[in-house]
PDB file of all heavy atoms in Angstrom:
ATOM      1  N   GLU A   1     104.506  12.838-127.340  1.00  0.00           N
ATOM      2  CA  GLU A   1     104.901  12.439-126.007  1.00  0.00           C
ATOM      3  C   GLU A   1     105.649  13.599-125.355  1.00  0.00           C
ATOM      4  O   GLU A   1     106.412  14.295-126.034  1.00  0.00           O
ATOM      5  CB  GLU A   1     105.817  11.217-126.092  1.00  0.00           C
ATOM      6  CG  GLU A   1     105.165  10.007-126.718  1.00  0.00           C
ATOM      7  CD  GLU A   1     106.151   8.859-126.878  1.00  0.00           C
ATOM      8  OE1 GLU A   1     107.239   8.929-126.268  1.00  0.00           O
ATOM      9  OE2 GLU A   1     105.831   7.915-127.610  1.00  0.00           O
ATOM     10  N   PRO A   2     105.436  13.845-124.083  1.00  0.00           N
ATOM     11  CA  PRO A   2     106.050  15.013-123.442  1.00  0.00           C
ATOM     12  C   PRO A   2     107.560  15.095-123.635  1.00  0.00           C
ATOM     13  O   PRO A   2     108.123  16.174-123.776  1.00  0.00           O
ATOM     14  CB  PRO A   2     105.677  14.835-121.968  1.00  0.00           C
ATOM     15  CG  PRO A   2     104.429  14.008-121.987  1.00  0.00           C
ATOM     16  CD  PRO A   2     104.565  13.093-123.169  1.00  0.00           C
ATOM     17  N   GLY A   3     108.253  13.960-123.668  1.00  0.00           N
ATOM     18  CA  GLY A   3     109.704  13.972-123.798  1.00  0.00           C
ATOM     19  C   GLY A   3     110.198  14.544-125.105  1.00  0.00           C
ATOM     20  O   GLY A   3     111.343  15.014-125.199  1.00  0.00           O
ATOM     21  N   LEU A   4     109.369  14.527-126.158  1.00  0.00           N
ATOM     22  CA  LEU A   4     109.802  15.040-127.453  1.00  0.00           C
ATOM     23  C   LEU A   4     110.011  16.546-127.429  1.00  0.00           C
ATOM     24  O   LEU A   4     110.801  17.075-128.209  1.00  0.00           O
ATOM     25  CB  LEU A   4     108.809  14.652-128.540  1.00  0.00           C
ATOM     26  CG  LEU A   4     108.771  13.161-128.907  1.00  0.00           C
ATOM     27  CD1 LEU A   4     107.810  12.932-130.056  1.00  0.00           C
ATOM     28  CD2 LEU A   4     110.159  12.656-129.267  1.00  0.00           C
ATOM     29  N   ASP A   5     109.292  17.251-126.559  1.00  0.00           N
ATOM     30  CA  ASP A   5     109.514  18.695-126.460  1.00  0.00           C
ATOM     31  C   ASP A   5     110.963  18.985-126.088  1.00  0.00           C
ATOM     32  O   ASP A   5     111.567  19.933-126.594  1.00  0.00           O
ATOM     33  CB  ASP A   5     108.590  19.312-125.411  1.00  0.00           C
ATOM     34  CG  ASP A   5     107.143  19.420-125.888  1.00  0.00           C
ATOM     35  OD1 ASP A   5     106.900  19.156-127.079  1.00  0.00           O
ATOM     36  OD2 ASP A   5     106.282  19.768-125.076  1.00  0.00           O
ATOM     37  N   ARG A   6     111.518  18.177-125.217  1.00  0.00           N
ATOM     38  CA  ARG A   6     112.905  18.389-124.798  1.00  0.00           C
ATOM     39  C   ARG A   6     113.874  17.961-125.899  1.00  0.00           C
ATOM     40  O   ARG A   6     114.877  18.619-126.152  1.00  0.00           O
ATOM     41  CB  ARG A   6     113.205  17.636-123.512  1.00  0.00           C
ATOM     42  CG  ARG A   6     112.382  18.099-122.319  1.00  0.00           C
ATOM     43  CD  ARG A   6     113.000  17.671-121.018  1.00  0.00           C
ATOM     44  NE  ARG A   6     114.285  18.338-120.807  1.00  0.00           N
ATOM     45  CZ  ARG A   6     115.069  18.122-119.756  1.00  0.00           C
ATOM     46  NH1 ARG A   6     114.703  17.261-118.812  1.00  0.00           N
ATOM     47  NH2 ARG A   6     116.217  18.761-119.635  1.00  0.00           N
ATOM     48  N   VAL A   7     113.575  16.873-126.581  1.00  0.00           N
ATOM     49  CA  VAL A   7     114.446  16.397-127.654  1.00  0.00           C
ATOM     50  C   VAL A   7     114.581  17.447-128.747  1.00  0.00           C
ATOM     51  O   VAL A   7     115.670  17.670-129.288  1.00  0.00           O
ATOM     52  CB  VAL A   7     113.903  15.079-128.240  1.00  0.00           C
ATOM     53  CG1 VAL A   7     114.647  14.701-129.530  1.00  0.00           C
ATOM     54  CG2 VAL A   7     114.015  13.960-127.230  1.00  0.00           C
ATOM     55  N   TYR A   8     113.475  18.112-129.058  1.00  0.00           N
ATOM     56  CA  TYR A   8     113.463  19.032-130.191  1.00  0.00           C
ATOM     57  C   TYR A   8     113.581  20.503-129.791  1.00  0.00           C
ATOM     58  O   TYR A   8     113.340  21.388-130.610  1.00  0.00           O
ATOM     59  CB  TYR A   8     112.210  18.796-131.036  1.00  0.00           C
ATOM     60  CG  TYR A   8     112.223  17.436-131.689  1.00  0.00           C
ATOM     61  CD1 TYR A   8     111.260  16.482-131.389  1.00  0.00           C
ATOM     62  CD2 TYR A   8     113.228  17.100-132.583  1.00  0.00           C
ATOM     63  CE1 TYR A   8     111.288  15.228-131.983  1.00  0.00           C
ATOM     64  CE2 TYR A   8     113.269  15.846-133.177  1.00  0.00           C
ATOM     65  CZ  TYR A   8     112.297  14.914-132.873  1.00  0.00           C
ATOM     66  OH  TYR A   8     112.342  13.675-133.457  1.00  0.00           O
ATOM     67  N   ASN A   9     113.976  20.747-128.542  1.00  0.00           N
ATOM     68  CA  ASN A   9     114.208  22.121-128.105  1.00  0.00           C
ATOM     69  C   ASN A   9     115.627  22.523-128.509  1.00  0.00           C
ATOM     70  O   ASN A   9     116.601  21.994-127.975  1.00  0.00           O
ATOM     71  CB  ASN A   9     114.043  22.226-126.597  1.00  0.00           C
ATOM     72  CG  ASN A   9     114.145  23.663-126.100  1.00  0.00           C
ATOM     73  OD1 ASN A   9     114.965  24.433-126.567  1.00  0.00           O
ATOM     74  ND2 ASN A   9     113.302  24.014-125.145  1.00  0.00           N
ATOM     75  N   PRO A  10     115.779  23.469-129.455  1.00  0.00           N
ATOM     76  CA  PRO A  10     117.130  23.792-129.943  1.00  0.00           C
ATOM     77  C   PRO A  10     117.989  24.501-128.914  1.00  0.00           C
ATOM     78  O   PRO A  10     119.222  24.507-129.043  1.00  0.00           O
ATOM     79  CB  PRO A  10     116.854  24.685-131.156  1.00  0.00           C
ATOM     80  CG  PRO A  10     115.507  25.280-130.897  1.00  0.00           C
ATOM     81  CD  PRO A  10     114.734  24.234-130.154  1.00  0.00           C
ATOM     82  N   PHE A  11     117.390  25.100-127.902  1.00  0.00           N
ATOM     83  CA  PHE A  11     118.179  25.816-126.901  1.00  0.00           C
ATOM     84  C   PHE A  11     118.674  24.882-125.808  1.00  0.00           C
ATOM     85  O   PHE A  11     119.731  25.105-125.225  1.00  0.00           O
ATOM     86  CB  PHE A  11     117.363  26.978-126.327  1.00  0.00           C
ATOM     87  CG  PHE A  11     117.155  28.057-127.341  1.00  0.00           C
ATOM     88  CD1 PHE A  11     116.035  28.054-128.161  1.00  0.00           C
ATOM     89  CD2 PHE A  11     118.105  29.050-127.513  1.00  0.00           C
ATOM     90  CE1 PHE A  11     115.861  29.023-129.126  1.00  0.00           C
ATOM     91  CE2 PHE A  11     117.936  30.020-128.477  1.00  0.00           C
ATOM     92  CZ  PHE A  11     116.820  30.017-129.280  1.00  0.00           C
ATOM     93  N   GLU A  12     117.941  23.834-125.545  1.00  0.00           N
ATOM     94  CA  GLU A  12     118.424  22.824-124.608  1.00  0.00           C
ATOM     95  C   GLU A  12     119.449  21.899-125.260  1.00  0.00           C
ATOM     96  O   GLU A  12     120.270  21.281-124.571  1.00  0.00           O
ATOM     97  CB  GLU A  12     117.264  21.990-124.074  1.00  0.00           C
ATOM     98  CG  GLU A  12     116.349  22.718-123.115  1.00  0.00           C
ATOM     99  CD  GLU A  12     115.355  21.767-122.464  1.00  0.00           C
ATOM    100  OE1 GLU A  12     115.626  20.544-122.424  1.00  0.00           O
ATOM    101  OE2 GLU A  12     114.312  22.253-121.999  1.00  0.00           O
ATOM    102  N   ASN A  13     119.403  21.820-126.581  1.00  0.00           N
ATOM    103  CA  ASN A  13     120.244  20.863-127.307  1.00  0.00           C
ATOM    104  C   ASN A  13     120.996  21.559-128.432  1.00  0.00           C
ATOM    105  O   ASN A  13     120.484  21.659-129.554  1.00  0.00           O
ATOM    106  CB  ASN A  13     119.377  19.744-127.896  1.00  0.00           C
ATOM    107  CG  ASN A  13     118.562  19.021-126.858  1.00  0.00           C
ATOM    108  OD1 ASN A  13     119.103  18.361-125.985  1.00  0.00           O
ATOM    109  ND2 ASN A  13     117.238  19.163-126.930  1.00  0.00           N
ATOM    110  N   PRO A  14     122.195  22.061-128.169  1.00  0.00           N
ATOM    111  CA  PRO A  14     122.975  22.660-129.256  1.00  0.00           C
ATOM    112  C   PRO A  14     123.272  21.630-130.335  1.00  0.00           C
ATOM    113  O   PRO A  14     123.179  20.412-130.107  1.00  0.00           O
ATOM    114  CB  PRO A  14     124.248  23.141-128.557  1.00  0.00           C
ATOM    115  CG  PRO A  14     124.315  22.377-127.288  1.00  0.00           C
ATOM    116  CD  PRO A  14     122.913  22.081-126.887  1.00  0.00           C
ATOM    117  N   ARG A  15     123.626  22.098-131.500  1.00  0.00           N
ATOM    118  CA  ARG A  15     123.734  21.214-132.665  1.00  0.00           C
ATOM    119  C   ARG A  15     124.674  20.030-132.431  1.00  0.00           C
ATOM    120  O   ARG A  15     124.412  18.925-132.898  1.00  0.00           O
ATOM    121  CB  ARG A  15     124.200  22.015-133.884  1.00  0.00           C
ATOM    122  CG  ARG A  15     123.145  22.968-134.435  1.00  0.00           C
ATOM    123  CD  ARG A  15     123.656  23.718-135.637  1.00  0.00           C
ATOM    124  NE  ARG A  15     122.632  24.608-136.206  1.00  0.00           N
ATOM    125  CZ  ARG A  15     122.826  25.389-137.251  1.00  0.00           C
ATOM    126  NH1 ARG A  15     124.010  25.410-137.845  1.00  0.00           N
ATOM    127  NH2 ARG A  15     121.857  26.158-137.702  1.00  0.00           N
ATOM    128  N   TRP A  16     125.763  20.255-131.736  1.00  0.00           N
ATOM    129  CA  TRP A  16     126.759  19.187-131.627  1.00  0.00           C
ATOM    130  C   TRP A  16     126.322  18.008-130.768  1.00  0.00           C
ATOM    131  O   TRP A  16     126.992  16.981-130.767  1.00  0.00           O
ATOM    132  CB  TRP A  16     128.083  19.749-131.126  1.00  0.00           C
ATOM    133  CG  TRP A  16     128.008  20.502-129.820  1.00  0.00           C
ATOM    134  CD1 TRP A  16     128.102  19.986-128.559  1.00  0.00           C
ATOM    135  CD2 TRP A  16     127.824  21.909-129.663  1.00  0.00           C
ATOM    136  NE1 TRP A  16     127.984  20.976-127.624  1.00  0.00           N
ATOM    137  CE2 TRP A  16     127.820  22.177-128.271  1.00  0.00           C
ATOM    138  CE3 TRP A  16     127.675  22.977-130.554  1.00  0.00           C
ATOM    139  CZ2 TRP A  16     127.658  23.466-127.758  1.00  0.00           C
ATOM    140  CZ3 TRP A  16     127.520  24.260-130.040  1.00  0.00           C
ATOM    141  CH2 TRP A  16     127.508  24.494-128.666  1.00  0.00           C
ATOM    142  N   VAL A  17     125.182  18.116-130.039  1.00  0.00           N
ATOM    143  CA  VAL A  17     124.718  16.977-129.246  1.00  0.00           C
ATOM    144  C   VAL A  17     123.511  16.293-129.884  1.00  0.00           C
ATOM    145  O   VAL A  17     123.053  15.255-129.381  1.00  0.00           O
ATOM    146  CB  VAL A  17     124.358  17.402-127.803  1.00  0.00           C
ATOM    147  CG1 VAL A  17     125.508  18.153-127.165  1.00  0.00           C
ATOM    148  CG2 VAL A  17     123.068  18.221-127.748  1.00  0.00           C
ATOM    149  N   ARG A  18     122.984  16.829-130.964  1.00  0.00           N
ATOM    150  CA  ARG A  18     121.718  16.329-131.488  1.00  0.00           C
ATOM    151  C   ARG A  18     121.823  14.932-132.090  1.00  0.00           C
ATOM    152  O   ARG A  18     120.822  14.215-132.177  1.00  0.00           O
ATOM    153  CB  ARG A  18     121.144  17.320-132.503  1.00  0.00           C
ATOM    154  CG  ARG A  18     120.731  18.628-131.851  1.00  0.00           C
ATOM    155  CD  ARG A  18     120.283  19.682-132.844  1.00  0.00           C
ATOM    156  NE  ARG A  18     120.074  20.967-132.174  1.00  0.00           N
ATOM    157  CZ  ARG A  18     119.870  22.117-132.804  1.00  0.00           C
ATOM    158  NH1 ARG A  18     119.811  22.144-134.135  1.00  0.00           N
ATOM    159  NH2 ARG A  18     119.704  23.228-132.120  1.00  0.00           N
ATOM    160  N   GLY A  19     123.013  14.544-132.507  1.00  0.00           N
ATOM    161  CA  GLY A  19     123.178  13.199-133.027  1.00  0.00           C
ATOM    162  C   GLY A  19     123.034  12.120-131.971  1.00  0.00           C
ATOM    163  O   GLY A  19     122.809  10.947-132.296  1.00  0.00           O
ATOM    164  N   ASP A  20     123.146  12.496-130.691  1.00  0.00           N
ATOM    165  CA  ASP A  20     123.042  11.533-129.593  1.00  0.00           C
ATOM    166  C   ASP A  20     121.670  11.547-128.927  1.00  0.00           C
ATOM    167  O   ASP A  20     121.438  10.800-127.976  1.00  0.00           O
ATOM    168  CB  ASP A  20     124.107  11.840-128.532  1.00  0.00           C
ATOM    169  CG  ASP A  20     125.519  11.700-129.069  1.00  0.00           C
ATOM    170  OD1 ASP A  20     125.744  10.786-129.883  1.00  0.00           O
ATOM    171  OD2 ASP A  20     126.381  12.516-128.702  1.00  0.00           O
ATOM    172  N   LEU A  21     120.761  12.380-129.415  1.00  0.00           N
ATOM    173  CA  LEU A  21     119.436  12.465-128.806  1.00  0.00           C
ATOM    174  C   LEU A  21     118.526  11.331-129.288  1.00  0.00           C
ATOM    175  O   LEU A  21     118.704  10.816-130.399  1.00  0.00           O
ATOM    176  CB  LEU A  21     118.791  13.810-129.172  1.00  0.00           C
ATOM    177  CG  LEU A  21     119.474  15.071-128.637  1.00  0.00           C
ATOM    178  CD1 LEU A  21     118.837  16.309-129.254  1.00  0.00           C
ATOM    179  CD2 LEU A  21     119.385  15.126-127.118  1.00  0.00           C
ATOM    180  N   PRO A  22     117.530  10.966-128.481  1.00  0.00           N
ATOM    181  CA  PRO A  22     116.569   9.929-128.911  1.00  0.00           C
ATOM    182  C   PRO A  22     115.511  10.503-129.851  1.00  0.00           C
ATOM    183  O   PRO A  22     114.303  10.471-129.560  1.00  0.00           O
ATOM    184  CB  PRO A  22     115.965   9.460-127.587  1.00  0.00           C
ATOM    185  CG  PRO A  22     116.026  10.659-126.698  1.00  0.00           C
ATOM    186  CD  PRO A  22     117.299  11.371-127.064  1.00  0.00           C
ATOM    187  N   ALA A  23     115.988  11.046-130.975  1.00  0.00           N
ATOM    188  CA  ALA A  23     115.067  11.614-131.962  1.00  0.00           C
ATOM    189  C   ALA A  23     114.281  10.505-132.644  1.00  0.00           C
ATOM    190  O   ALA A  23     114.716   9.347-132.696  1.00  0.00           O
ATOM    191  CB  ALA A  23     115.839  12.422-133.002  1.00  0.00           C
ATOM    192  N   LEU A  24     113.123  10.863-133.180  1.00  0.00           N
ATOM    193  CA  LEU A  24     112.293   9.876-133.866  1.00  0.00           C
ATOM    194  C   LEU A  24     112.998   9.352-135.109  1.00  0.00           C
ATOM    195  O   LEU A  24     113.616  10.123-135.849  1.00  0.00           O
ATOM    196  CB  LEU A  24     110.964  10.514-134.279  1.00  0.00           C
ATOM    197  CG  LEU A  24     110.021  10.939-133.151  1.00  0.00           C
ATOM    198  CD1 LEU A  24     108.852  11.720-133.733  1.00  0.00           C
ATOM    199  CD2 LEU A  24     109.525   9.730-132.357  1.00  0.00           C
ATOM    200  N   PRO A  25     112.910   8.061-135.375  1.00  0.00           N
ATOM    201  CA  PRO A  25     113.414   7.549-136.648  1.00  0.00           C
ATOM    202  C   PRO A  25     112.670   8.195-137.807  1.00  0.00           C
ATOM    203  O   PRO A  25     111.571   8.743-137.639  1.00  0.00           O
ATOM    204  CB  PRO A  25     113.118   6.048-136.578  1.00  0.00           C
ATOM    205  CG  PRO A  25     112.894   5.756-135.136  1.00  0.00           C
ATOM    206  CD  PRO A  25     112.342   7.008-134.531  1.00  0.00           C
ATOM    207  N   ARG A  26     113.242   8.090-138.972  1.00  0.00           N
ATOM    208  CA  ARG A  26     112.693   8.756-140.149  1.00  0.00           C
ATOM    209  C   ARG A  26     111.208   8.472-140.354  1.00  0.00           C
ATOM    210  O   ARG A  26     110.413   9.402-140.550  1.00  0.00           O
ATOM    211  CB  ARG A  26     113.494   8.308-141.371  1.00  0.00           C
ATOM    212  CG  ARG A  26     112.977   8.832-142.698  1.00  0.00           C
ATOM    213  CD  ARG A  26     113.793   8.236-143.826  1.00  0.00           C
ATOM    214  NE  ARG A  26     113.564   8.890-145.099  1.00  0.00           N
ATOM    215  CZ  ARG A  26     114.412   8.837-146.111  1.00  0.00           C
ATOM    216  NH1 ARG A  26     115.555   8.178-145.983  1.00  0.00           N
ATOM    217  NH2 ARG A  26     114.129   9.448-147.249  1.00  0.00           N
ATOM    218  N   THR A  27     110.806   7.219-140.333  1.00  0.00           N
ATOM    219  CA  THR A  27     109.409   6.896-140.618  1.00  0.00           C
ATOM    220  C   THR A  27     108.481   7.469-139.550  1.00  0.00           C
ATOM    221  O   THR A  27     107.382   7.949-139.871  1.00  0.00           O
ATOM    222  CB  THR A  27     109.219   5.376-140.712  1.00  0.00           C
ATOM    223  OG1 THR A  27     109.731   4.756-139.521  1.00  0.00           O
ATOM    224  CG2 THR A  27     109.946   4.818-141.924  1.00  0.00           C
ATOM    225  N   GLU A  28     108.903   7.444-138.294  1.00  0.00           N
ATOM    226  CA  GLU A  28     108.065   8.003-137.237  1.00  0.00           C
ATOM    227  C   GLU A  28     108.023   9.529-137.321  1.00  0.00           C
ATOM    228  O   GLU A  28     106.981  10.139-137.035  1.00  0.00           O
ATOM    229  CB  GLU A  28     108.585   7.547-135.876  1.00  0.00           C
ATOM    230  CG  GLU A  28     108.401   6.056-135.629  1.00  0.00           C
ATOM    231  CD  GLU A  28     108.858   5.647-134.244  1.00  0.00           C
ATOM    232  OE1 GLU A  28     108.760   6.472-133.308  1.00  0.00           O
ATOM    233  OE2 GLU A  28     109.328   4.498-134.097  1.00  0.00           O
ATOM    234  N   ALA A  29     109.140  10.136-137.683  1.00  0.00           N
ATOM    235  CA  ALA A  29     109.141  11.589-137.852  1.00  0.00           C
ATOM    236  C   ALA A  29     108.188  11.998-138.970  1.00  0.00           C
ATOM    237  O   ALA A  29     107.467  13.000-138.859  1.00  0.00           O
ATOM    238  CB  ALA A  29     110.556  12.078-138.139  1.00  0.00           C
ATOM    239  N   MET A  30     108.163  11.221-140.052  1.00  0.00           N
ATOM    240  CA  MET A  30     107.244  11.517-141.150  1.00  0.00           C
ATOM    241  C   MET A  30     105.796  11.372-140.688  1.00  0.00           C
ATOM    242  O   MET A  30     104.930  12.178-141.052  1.00  0.00           O
ATOM    243  CB  MET A  30     107.520  10.580-142.330  1.00  0.00           C
ATOM    244  CG  MET A  30     108.830  10.834-143.027  1.00  0.00           C
ATOM    245  SD  MET A  30     108.890  12.460-143.814  1.00  0.00           S
ATOM    246  CE  MET A  30     110.365  12.284-144.800  1.00  0.00           C
TER     247      MET A  30
END
């Protein structure tokens, strides 16, 4: 999905904000 490019862009999302992102749950990431 287009939105995942933004979620997983490390330059748009420094490490300290990644816990609040709508990242895929474990099973979906797998």
